[in-house]
C-alpha atoms as a PDB file:
ATOM      1  CA  UNK A   1       0.000   0.000   0.000  1.00  0.00           C
ATOM      2  CA  UNK A   2       1.442   3.337  -1.077  1.00  0.00           C
ATOM      3  CA  UNK A   3       1.173   6.080   1.515  1.00  0.00           C
ATOM      4  CA  UNK A   4       0.765   9.662   0.361  1.00  0.00           C
ATOM      5  CA  UNK A   5       1.927  12.753   2.149  1.00  0.00           C
ATOM      6  CA  UNK A   6      -0.597  14.586   4.238  1.00  0.00           C
ATOM      7  CA  UNK A   7      -0.729  18.344   4.530  1.00  0.00           C
ATOM      8  CA  UNK A   8      -1.974  20.570   7.308  1.00  0.00           C
ATOM      9  CA  UNK A   9      -3.749  23.797   6.401  1.00  0.00           C
ATOM     10  CA  UNK A  10      -3.762  26.184   9.366  1.00  0.00           C
ATOM     11  CA  UNK A  11      -4.914  29.813   9.348  1.00  0.00           C
ATOM     12  CA  UNK A  12      -3.315  31.996  12.026  1.00  0.00           C
ATOM     13  CA  UNK A  13      -5.975  34.647  11.508  1.00  0.00           C
ATOM     14  CA  UNK A  14      -9.155  32.648  12.295  1.00  0.00           C
ATOM     15  CA  UNK A  15      -7.658  29.337  13.612  1.00  0.00           C
ATOM     16  CA  UNK A  16      -9.123  27.245  10.768  1.00  0.00           C
ATOM     17  CA  UNK A  17      -7.335  23.874  10.659  1.00  0.00           C
ATOM     18  CA  UNK A  18      -7.724  20.923   8.310  1.00  0.00           C
ATOM     19  CA  UNK A  19      -5.576  17.907   7.438  1.00  0.00           C
ATOM     20  CA  UNK A  20      -5.760  17.038   3.745  1.00  0.00           C
ATOM     21  CA  UNK A  21      -4.187  14.826   1.105  1.00  0.00           C
ATOM     22  CA  UNK A  22      -2.791  16.445  -2.088  1.00  0.00           C
ATOM     23  CA  UNK A  23      -5.869  15.593  -4.166  1.00  0.00           C
ATOM     24  CA  UNK A  24      -8.071  17.635  -1.790  1.00  0.00           C
ATOM     25  CA  UNK A  25      -5.988  20.755  -2.459  1.00  0.00           C
ATOM     26  CA  UNK A  26      -8.162  21.478  -5.512  1.00  0.00           C
ATOM     27  CA  UNK A  27     -11.082  22.277  -3.136  1.00  0.00           C
ATOM     28  CA  UNK A  28      -9.240  25.437  -2.027  1.00  0.00           C
ATOM     29  CA  UNK A  29      -8.799  28.646  -4.024  1.00  0.00           C
ATOM     30  CA  UNK A  30      -5.129  28.818  -5.102  1.00  0.00           C
ATOM     31  CA  UNK A  31      -3.332  32.170  -5.091  1.00  0.00           C
ATOM     32  CA  UNK A  32      -1.185  32.784  -8.140  1.00  0.00           C
ATOM     33  CA  UNK A  33       2.381  33.919  -7.522  1.00  0.00           C
ATOM     34  CA  UNK A  34       5.243  34.995  -9.725  1.00  0.00           C
ATOM     35  CA  UNK A  35       8.634  33.353 -10.098  1.00  0.00           C
ATOM     36  CA  UNK A  36      11.533  34.321  -7.793  1.00  0.00           C
ATOM     37  CA  UNK A  37      14.840  35.363  -9.317  1.00  0.00           C
ATOM     38  CA  UNK A  38      17.706  33.069  -8.198  1.00  0.00           C
ATOM     39  CA  UNK A  39      20.644  34.638 -10.019  1.00  0.00           C
ATOM     40  CA  UNK A  40      21.626  38.106 -11.168  1.00  0.00           C
ATOM     41  CA  UNK A  41      20.698  38.617 -14.827  1.00  0.00           C
ATOM     42  CA  UNK A  42      23.670  38.457 -17.173  1.00  0.00           C
ATOM     43  CA  UNK A  43      23.999  39.217 -20.862  1.00  0.00           C
ATOM     44  CA  UNK A  44      24.811  36.280 -23.123  1.00  0.00           C
ATOM     45  CA  UNK A  45      27.545  37.559 -25.436  1.00  0.00           C
ATOM     46  CA  UNK A  46      26.540  35.351 -28.363  1.00  0.00           C
ATOM     47  CA  UNK A  47      22.787  35.983 -28.465  1.00  0.00           C
ATOM     48  CA  UNK A  48      22.778  39.427 -26.751  1.00  0.00           C
ATOM     49  CA  UNK A  49      19.906  38.319 -24.478  1.00  0.00           C
ATOM     50  CA  UNK A  50      19.527  38.353 -20.703  1.00  0.00           C
ATOM     51  CA  UNK A  51      19.990  35.051 -18.876  1.00  0.00           C
ATOM     52  CA  UNK A  52      18.495  34.604 -15.413  1.00  0.00           C
ATOM     53  CA  UNK A  53      17.548  31.508 -13.411  1.00  0.00           C
ATOM     54  CA  UNK A  54      14.169  31.529 -11.680  1.00  0.00           C
ATOM     55  CA  UNK A  55      12.394  29.294  -9.187  1.00  0.00           C
ATOM     56  CA  UNK A  56       8.739  28.992  -8.232  1.00  0.00           C
ATOM     57  CA  UNK A  57       7.257  29.990  -4.874  1.00  0.00           C
ATOM     58  CA  UNK A  58       5.464  27.554  -2.549  1.00  0.00           C
ATOM     59  CA  UNK A  59       1.738  27.036  -3.141  1.00  0.00           C
ATOM     60  CA  UNK A  60      -0.580  29.396  -1.275  1.00  0.00           C
ATOM     61  CA  UNK A  61      -4.321  28.918  -0.818  1.00  0.00           C
ATOM     62  CA  UNK A  62      -7.087  31.108   0.597  1.00  0.00           C
ATOM     63  CA  UNK A  63      -8.632  30.246   3.943  1.00  0.00           C
ATOM     64  CA  UNK A  64     -12.268  29.185   3.387  1.00  0.00           C
ATOM     65  CA  UNK A  65     -13.414  31.119   6.476  1.00  0.00           C
ATOM     66  CA  UNK A  66     -11.592  34.472   6.280  1.00  0.00           C
ATOM     67  CA  UNK A  67      -9.655  34.558   2.971  1.00  0.00           C
ATOM     68  CA  UNK A  68      -6.218  34.837   4.597  1.00  0.00           C
ATOM     69  CA  UNK A  69      -3.312  33.387   2.557  1.00  0.00           C
ATOM     70  CA  UNK A  70      -2.115  29.980   3.862  1.00  0.00           C
ATOM     71  CA  UNK A  71       0.817  27.769   2.898  1.00  0.00           C
ATOM     72  CA  UNK A  72      -0.022  24.060   3.269  1.00  0.00           C
ATOM     73  CA  UNK A  73       2.720  22.320   5.243  1.00  0.00           C
ATOM     74  CA  UNK A  74       3.740  18.658   4.890  1.00  0.00           C
ATOM     75  CA  UNK A  75       3.181  16.534   7.985  1.00  0.00           C
ATOM     76  CA  UNK A  76       6.289  14.383   8.673  1.00  0.00           C
ATOM     77  CA  UNK A  77       5.832  10.618   8.173  1.00  0.00           C
ATOM     78  CA  UNK A  78       6.595   9.953  11.868  1.00  0.00           C
ATOM     79  CA  UNK A  79       3.633  12.090  12.999  1.00  0.00           C
ATOM     80  CA  UNK A  80       1.094  10.740  10.497  1.00  0.00           C
ATOM     81  CA  UNK A  81      -1.440   8.398  12.066  1.00  0.00           C
ATOM     82  CA  UNK A  82      -3.105   6.320   9.317  1.00  0.00           C
END
């Protein structure tokens, strides 16, 4: 039996708390975020274009009760009670 990670969604504003599996994340409203710049942009001498490495931000969802932005956190395997 394959075990999946569980996430905890906790709102510090209204104390909403729920433990979910990744497939239940679609029930929440996701907040779009832009990419984060990892390196300083540099000019490629051959193509004369800017080169910059980017990384994505962690997923954020809206709290169903108050609309506050929440980051779902992974529950460690040792603390998961199946």
